C-alpha cells in the first residue's frame, strides 16, 4: 500500500470547523482549474461509504494557498464521532484507466488519563 498523501492527528479546528491540509499535499488532490479556488471530490471511507468533500484555498494569496477541507467535512466528523487526537489518513488509488480515486481512513485515539498513547482503526457497522 502506498503511503498516505495526508496523515494528520486532528486538532480543535479540524474537529469543530474545517480540516487544514499541508500546502504541499494540494498537488495530490484534484487540480484547481483556472482561477478557481475550490474543487469538490469524492472520497471512499474504510466502510465503503462515499463522501463529497471540498478543498478550498485562499483567493488572493497564491504563494501560500492554505488549503482546507470544508463542504462535507463536518458531516464526516460528526458521523465518525471524531475527537481531538484522532488520526485521519488520505490515500490515492490509481485506476486502470488512469483516473485517480481517493480513500480516507480514520483511527480513534487511545487515551490513558487523557494522554494519547496510540491509535486504533474504527470498525464498520454492519
N, C-alpha and C. Protein backbone atom coordinates (compact mmCIF):
# COMPACT_ATOMS: atom_id res chain seq x y z
N UNK A 1 0.84 -1.18 0.00
CA UNK A 1 0.00 0.00 0.00
C UNK A 1 0.89 1.24 0.00
N UNK A 2 0.50 2.21 -0.81
CA UNK A 2 1.25 3.46 -0.89
C UNK A 2 1.08 4.26 0.40
N UNK A 3 2.06 5.08 0.73
CA UNK A 3 1.93 5.91 1.93
C UNK A 3 0.81 6.94 1.75
N UNK A 4 0.25 7.43 2.85
CA UNK A 4 -0.83 8.42 2.73
C UNK A 4 -0.32 9.74 2.16
N UNK A 5 -1.21 10.43 1.45
CA UNK A 5 -0.85 11.77 0.96
C UNK A 5 -1.01 12.79 2.08
N UNK A 6 -1.86 12.47 3.04
CA UNK A 6 -2.02 13.29 4.25
C UNK A 6 -2.25 12.34 5.42
N UNK A 7 -1.51 12.54 6.49
CA UNK A 7 -1.70 11.80 7.74
C UNK A 7 -1.70 12.86 8.84
N UNK A 8 -2.82 12.98 9.53
CA UNK A 8 -2.94 14.09 10.48
C UNK A 8 -3.65 13.68 11.75
N UNK A 9 -3.07 14.07 12.88
CA UNK A 9 -3.76 13.97 14.16
C UNK A 9 -4.63 15.22 14.28
N UNK A 10 -5.92 15.02 14.49
CA UNK A 10 -6.86 16.12 14.45
C UNK A 10 -6.71 17.07 15.64
N UNK A 11 -6.83 18.35 15.32
CA UNK A 11 -6.79 19.41 16.32
C UNK A 11 -8.20 19.98 16.48
N UNK A 12 -8.34 20.92 17.39
CA UNK A 12 -9.65 21.50 17.70
C UNK A 12 -10.34 22.06 16.45
N UNK A 13 -9.64 22.86 15.67
CA UNK A 13 -10.24 23.45 14.47
C UNK A 13 -10.66 22.37 13.48
N UNK A 14 -9.85 21.31 13.34
CA UNK A 14 -10.18 20.21 12.42
C UNK A 14 -11.49 19.54 12.81
N UNK A 15 -11.75 19.43 14.09
CA UNK A 15 -12.94 18.74 14.58
C UNK A 15 -14.16 19.67 14.60
N UNK A 16 -13.95 20.92 14.93
CA UNK A 16 -15.08 21.84 15.12
C UNK A 16 -15.48 22.62 13.88
N UNK A 17 -14.55 22.81 12.92
CA UNK A 17 -14.87 23.68 11.78
C UNK A 17 -14.48 23.08 10.44
N UNK A 18 -13.20 22.97 10.18
CA UNK A 18 -12.69 22.52 8.89
C UNK A 18 -11.33 21.88 9.11
N UNK A 19 -10.93 21.02 8.20
CA UNK A 19 -9.63 20.37 8.34
C UNK A 19 -8.59 21.11 7.51
N UNK A 20 -7.55 21.58 8.17
CA UNK A 20 -6.46 22.22 7.44
C UNK A 20 -5.55 21.15 6.86
N UNK A 21 -5.06 21.41 5.66
CA UNK A 21 -4.18 20.47 4.96
C UNK A 21 -2.83 21.12 4.73
N UNK A 22 -1.76 20.32 4.71
CA UNK A 22 -0.46 20.89 4.36
C UNK A 22 -0.49 21.42 2.92
N UNK A 23 0.09 22.57 2.68
CA UNK A 23 0.10 23.15 1.32
C UNK A 23 0.72 22.20 0.31
N UNK A 24 1.76 21.48 0.71
CA UNK A 24 2.44 20.58 -0.22
C UNK A 24 1.54 19.41 -0.66
N UNK A 25 0.50 19.10 0.11
CA UNK A 25 -0.39 17.99 -0.26
C UNK A 25 -1.37 18.39 -1.36
N UNK A 26 -1.52 19.68 -1.61
CA UNK A 26 -2.50 20.15 -2.58
C UNK A 26 -2.28 19.54 -3.96
N UNK A 27 -1.04 19.30 -4.33
CA UNK A 27 -0.74 18.73 -5.65
C UNK A 27 -1.24 17.29 -5.80
N UNK A 28 -1.56 16.63 -4.71
CA UNK A 28 -2.05 15.25 -4.74
C UNK A 28 -3.56 15.16 -4.87
N UNK A 29 -4.26 16.26 -4.72
CA UNK A 29 -5.71 16.30 -4.80
C UNK A 29 -6.13 16.81 -6.18
N UNK A 30 -7.43 16.74 -6.52
CA UNK A 30 -7.86 17.23 -7.83
C UNK A 30 -7.40 18.67 -8.05
N UNK A 31 -7.01 18.98 -9.28
CA UNK A 31 -6.47 20.32 -9.55
C UNK A 31 -7.53 21.41 -9.49
N UNK A 32 -7.07 22.59 -9.09
CA UNK A 32 -7.91 23.79 -9.14
C UNK A 32 -7.78 24.33 -10.57
N UNK A 33 -8.88 24.41 -11.29
CA UNK A 33 -8.86 24.79 -12.70
C UNK A 33 -9.02 26.30 -12.85
N UNK A 34 -8.16 26.89 -13.68
CA UNK A 34 -8.23 28.32 -13.96
C UNK A 34 -8.03 29.14 -12.71
N UNK A 35 -8.92 30.11 -12.50
CA UNK A 35 -8.80 30.97 -11.32
C UNK A 35 -9.68 30.50 -10.18
N UNK A 36 -10.13 29.26 -10.24
CA UNK A 36 -10.97 28.69 -9.18
C UNK A 36 -10.12 28.48 -7.92
N UNK A 37 -10.76 28.62 -6.77
CA UNK A 37 -10.06 28.42 -5.51
C UNK A 37 -10.69 27.31 -4.69
N UNK A 38 -11.53 26.49 -5.36
CA UNK A 38 -12.13 25.34 -4.66
C UNK A 38 -12.43 24.24 -5.67
N UNK A 39 -12.47 23.01 -5.16
CA UNK A 39 -12.82 21.87 -6.00
C UNK A 39 -13.47 20.81 -5.11
N UNK A 40 -14.55 20.20 -5.61
CA UNK A 40 -15.23 19.11 -4.91
C UNK A 40 -14.69 17.79 -5.43
N UNK A 41 -14.62 16.79 -4.56
CA UNK A 41 -14.15 15.47 -4.99
C UNK A 41 -14.71 14.40 -4.06
N UNK A 42 -14.96 13.19 -4.60
CA UNK A 42 -15.47 12.09 -3.78
C UNK A 42 -14.34 11.33 -3.09
N UNK A 43 -14.63 10.85 -1.90
CA UNK A 43 -13.67 10.07 -1.11
C UNK A 43 -14.41 8.87 -0.51
N UNK A 44 -13.83 7.68 -0.63
CA UNK A 44 -14.43 6.47 -0.06
C UNK A 44 -13.77 6.18 1.28
N UNK A 45 -14.60 5.91 2.31
CA UNK A 45 -14.04 5.60 3.63
C UNK A 45 -13.82 4.09 3.79
N UNK A 46 -13.31 3.70 4.94
CA UNK A 46 -12.97 2.30 5.19
C UNK A 46 -14.19 1.39 5.23
N UNK A 47 -15.38 1.97 5.33
CA UNK A 47 -16.63 1.18 5.35
C UNK A 47 -17.29 1.12 3.98
N UNK A 48 -16.71 1.81 2.99
CA UNK A 48 -17.25 1.79 1.64
C UNK A 48 -18.16 2.96 1.32
N UNK A 49 -18.44 3.82 2.29
CA UNK A 49 -19.30 4.98 2.04
C UNK A 49 -18.52 6.06 1.30
N UNK A 50 -19.18 6.68 0.34
CA UNK A 50 -18.55 7.76 -0.42
C UNK A 50 -19.00 9.11 0.15
N UNK A 51 -18.02 9.95 0.44
CA UNK A 51 -18.24 11.29 0.97
C UNK A 51 -17.84 12.29 -0.10
N UNK A 52 -18.50 13.44 -0.13
CA UNK A 52 -18.15 14.50 -1.06
C UNK A 52 -17.53 15.63 -0.25
N UNK A 53 -16.22 15.85 -0.46
CA UNK A 53 -15.50 16.92 0.23
C UNK A 53 -15.18 18.05 -0.74
N UNK A 54 -14.93 19.22 -0.17
CA UNK A 54 -14.47 20.36 -0.96
C UNK A 54 -13.15 20.85 -0.39
N UNK A 55 -12.17 21.01 -1.28
CA UNK A 55 -10.92 21.68 -0.91
C UNK A 55 -11.09 23.15 -1.29
N UNK A 56 -10.78 24.01 -0.35
CA UNK A 56 -10.92 25.44 -0.53
C UNK A 56 -9.55 26.06 -0.24
N UNK A 57 -9.14 27.01 -1.08
CA UNK A 57 -7.88 27.72 -0.85
C UNK A 57 -8.14 29.22 -0.81
N UNK A 58 -7.16 29.95 -0.34
CA UNK A 58 -7.27 31.41 -0.31
C UNK A 58 -7.43 31.94 -1.73
N UNK A 59 -8.23 32.99 -1.86
CA UNK A 59 -8.46 33.58 -3.18
C UNK A 59 -7.30 34.47 -3.61
N UNK A 60 -6.73 35.20 -2.66
CA UNK A 60 -5.77 36.24 -3.02
C UNK A 60 -4.32 35.80 -2.94
N UNK A 61 -3.93 35.14 -1.88
CA UNK A 61 -2.52 34.81 -1.67
C UNK A 61 -2.16 33.51 -2.38
N UNK A 62 -1.71 33.62 -3.62
CA UNK A 62 -1.37 32.43 -4.41
C UNK A 62 -0.05 31.79 -3.96
N UNK A 63 0.76 32.54 -3.23
CA UNK A 63 2.03 32.00 -2.76
C UNK A 63 1.81 30.98 -1.64
N UNK A 64 0.88 31.27 -0.75
CA UNK A 64 0.57 30.35 0.35
C UNK A 64 -0.93 30.11 0.34
N UNK A 65 -1.36 29.03 -0.31
CA UNK A 65 -2.77 28.78 -0.55
C UNK A 65 -3.56 28.36 0.68
N UNK A 66 -2.90 27.76 1.67
CA UNK A 66 -3.54 27.31 2.91
C UNK A 66 -4.82 26.50 2.64
N UNK A 67 -4.69 25.31 2.04
CA UNK A 67 -5.87 24.52 1.72
C UNK A 67 -6.58 23.97 2.96
N UNK A 68 -7.90 23.91 2.86
CA UNK A 68 -8.73 23.35 3.93
C UNK A 68 -9.84 22.51 3.31
N UNK A 69 -10.30 21.51 4.06
CA UNK A 69 -11.50 20.76 3.66
C UNK A 69 -12.69 21.44 4.32
N UNK A 70 -13.67 21.81 3.51
CA UNK A 70 -14.84 22.50 4.04
C UNK A 70 -16.09 21.64 3.84
N UNK A 71 -16.75 21.80 2.74
CA UNK A 71 -18.02 21.10 2.46
C UNK A 71 -17.88 19.59 2.68
N UNK A 72 -18.80 19.05 3.45
CA UNK A 72 -18.81 17.61 3.71
C UNK A 72 -17.96 17.17 4.88
N UNK A 73 -17.00 18.00 5.28
CA UNK A 73 -16.08 17.60 6.34
C UNK A 73 -16.77 17.46 7.69
N UNK A 74 -17.58 18.46 8.08
CA UNK A 74 -18.25 18.40 9.40
C UNK A 74 -19.21 17.22 9.48
N UNK A 75 -19.90 16.93 8.40
CA UNK A 75 -20.78 15.76 8.38
C UNK A 75 -19.98 14.48 8.63
N UNK A 76 -18.81 14.39 8.00
CA UNK A 76 -17.92 13.25 8.18
C UNK A 76 -17.47 13.15 9.63
N UNK A 77 -17.03 14.27 10.20
CA UNK A 77 -16.57 14.31 11.60
C UNK A 77 -17.67 13.85 12.54
N UNK A 78 -18.87 14.37 12.35
CA UNK A 78 -20.00 14.00 13.23
C UNK A 78 -20.38 12.54 13.06
N UNK A 79 -20.41 12.06 11.83
CA UNK A 79 -20.79 10.67 11.57
C UNK A 79 -19.80 9.70 12.20
N UNK A 80 -18.52 10.03 12.14
CA UNK A 80 -17.47 9.16 12.68
C UNK A 80 -17.20 9.44 14.16
N UNK A 81 -17.86 10.46 14.71
CA UNK A 81 -17.66 10.88 16.11
C UNK A 81 -16.17 11.15 16.39
N UNK A 82 -15.58 11.92 15.50
CA UNK A 82 -14.15 12.22 15.63
C UNK A 82 -13.91 13.23 16.75
N UNK A 83 -12.76 13.08 17.39
CA UNK A 83 -12.37 13.93 18.52
C UNK A 83 -10.94 14.42 18.30
N UNK A 84 -10.57 15.41 19.07
CA UNK A 84 -9.19 15.89 19.07
C UNK A 84 -8.28 14.71 19.39
N UNK A 85 -7.22 14.55 18.61
CA UNK A 85 -6.27 13.45 18.82
C UNK A 85 -6.51 12.26 17.91
N UNK A 86 -7.73 12.12 17.35
CA UNK A 86 -7.97 11.05 16.38
C UNK A 86 -7.12 11.33 15.15
N UNK A 87 -6.88 10.29 14.36
CA UNK A 87 -5.99 10.43 13.20
C UNK A 87 -6.75 10.12 11.92
N UNK A 88 -6.48 10.92 10.89
CA UNK A 88 -7.10 10.75 9.58
C UNK A 88 -5.99 10.60 8.54
N UNK A 89 -6.17 9.65 7.63
CA UNK A 89 -5.20 9.44 6.55
C UNK A 89 -5.94 9.44 5.21
N UNK A 90 -5.42 10.19 4.26
CA UNK A 90 -5.95 10.21 2.90
C UNK A 90 -4.97 9.50 1.98
N UNK A 91 -5.52 8.69 1.08
CA UNK A 91 -4.73 7.92 0.12
C UNK A 91 -5.27 8.14 -1.28
N UNK A 92 -4.42 7.95 -2.28
CA UNK A 92 -4.88 7.92 -3.66
C UNK A 92 -4.75 6.50 -4.17
N UNK A 93 -5.66 6.14 -5.07
CA UNK A 93 -5.62 4.84 -5.73
C UNK A 93 -5.80 5.09 -7.21
N UNK A 94 -4.85 4.61 -8.02
CA UNK A 94 -4.94 4.83 -9.45
C UNK A 94 -5.70 3.68 -10.09
N UNK A 95 -6.67 4.02 -10.93
CA UNK A 95 -7.47 3.04 -11.65
C UNK A 95 -6.74 2.65 -12.93
N UNK A 96 -7.18 1.53 -13.54
CA UNK A 96 -6.56 1.08 -14.79
C UNK A 96 -6.67 2.13 -15.88
N UNK A 97 -7.78 2.85 -15.92
CA UNK A 97 -7.99 3.86 -16.96
C UNK A 97 -7.16 5.12 -16.71
N UNK A 98 -6.39 5.14 -15.63
CA UNK A 98 -5.55 6.29 -15.33
C UNK A 98 -6.19 7.32 -14.43
N UNK A 99 -7.47 7.13 -14.10
CA UNK A 99 -8.12 8.07 -13.20
C UNK A 99 -7.68 7.80 -11.76
N UNK A 100 -7.83 8.78 -10.91
CA UNK A 100 -7.40 8.67 -9.51
C UNK A 100 -8.64 8.68 -8.61
N UNK A 101 -8.66 7.78 -7.66
CA UNK A 101 -9.71 7.76 -6.64
C UNK A 101 -9.07 8.06 -5.30
N UNK A 102 -9.88 8.59 -4.39
CA UNK A 102 -9.38 8.97 -3.07
C UNK A 102 -10.04 8.12 -2.00
N UNK A 103 -9.26 7.82 -0.97
CA UNK A 103 -9.72 6.98 0.13
C UNK A 103 -9.32 7.66 1.43
N UNK A 104 -10.16 7.53 2.46
CA UNK A 104 -9.86 8.09 3.77
C UNK A 104 -10.02 7.00 4.82
N UNK A 105 -9.11 6.97 5.76
CA UNK A 105 -9.17 6.03 6.88
C UNK A 105 -9.05 6.82 8.18
N UNK A 106 -9.81 6.37 9.18
CA UNK A 106 -9.83 7.03 10.48
C UNK A 106 -9.31 6.07 11.54
N UNK A 107 -8.51 6.59 12.45
CA UNK A 107 -8.08 5.83 13.63
C UNK A 107 -8.44 6.65 14.86
N UNK A 108 -9.13 6.03 15.79
CA UNK A 108 -9.51 6.69 17.04
C UNK A 108 -8.32 6.71 17.99
N UNK A 109 -8.17 7.81 18.70
CA UNK A 109 -7.10 7.93 19.69
C UNK A 109 -7.39 7.02 20.87
N UNK A 110 -6.35 6.32 21.34
CA UNK A 110 -6.44 5.52 22.56
C UNK A 110 -5.81 6.38 23.65
N UNK A 111 -6.60 6.69 24.68
CA UNK A 111 -6.12 7.60 25.71
C UNK A 111 -6.08 6.91 27.07
N UNK A 112 -5.06 7.25 27.84
CA UNK A 112 -4.96 6.82 29.23
C UNK A 112 -4.74 8.09 30.05
N UNK A 113 -5.64 8.32 30.98
CA UNK A 113 -5.61 9.54 31.79
C UNK A 113 -5.53 10.79 30.93
N UNK A 114 -6.24 10.78 29.80
CA UNK A 114 -6.31 11.94 28.92
C UNK A 114 -5.17 12.08 27.93
N UNK A 115 -4.14 11.26 28.05
CA UNK A 115 -3.00 11.33 27.13
C UNK A 115 -3.15 10.29 26.03
N UNK A 116 -2.90 10.69 24.78
CA UNK A 116 -2.97 9.77 23.66
C UNK A 116 -1.75 8.85 23.70
N UNK A 117 -2.02 7.53 23.76
CA UNK A 117 -0.93 6.55 23.82
C UNK A 117 -0.86 5.69 22.55
N UNK A 118 -1.81 5.88 21.66
CA UNK A 118 -1.83 5.13 20.42
C UNK A 118 -3.12 5.41 19.66
N UNK A 119 -3.29 4.68 18.56
CA UNK A 119 -4.49 4.81 17.73
C UNK A 119 -4.95 3.43 17.30
N UNK A 120 -6.28 3.29 17.12
CA UNK A 120 -6.82 2.03 16.62
C UNK A 120 -7.84 2.32 15.54
N UNK A 121 -7.91 1.43 14.52
CA UNK A 121 -8.87 1.65 13.43
C UNK A 121 -10.31 1.58 13.94
N UNK A 122 -11.19 2.30 13.26
CA UNK A 122 -12.60 2.20 13.62
C UNK A 122 -13.17 0.95 12.98
N UNK A 123 -14.26 0.46 13.52
CA UNK A 123 -14.92 -0.73 12.99
C UNK A 123 -16.22 -0.32 12.33
N UNK A 124 -16.47 -0.85 11.16
CA UNK A 124 -17.67 -0.52 10.41
C UNK A 124 -18.88 -1.19 11.03
N UNK A 125 -20.00 -0.47 11.00
CA UNK A 125 -21.27 -1.01 11.48
C UNK A 125 -21.87 -1.86 10.37
N UNK A 126 -22.28 -3.05 10.68
CA UNK A 126 -22.88 -3.93 9.66
C UNK A 126 -24.37 -3.83 9.68
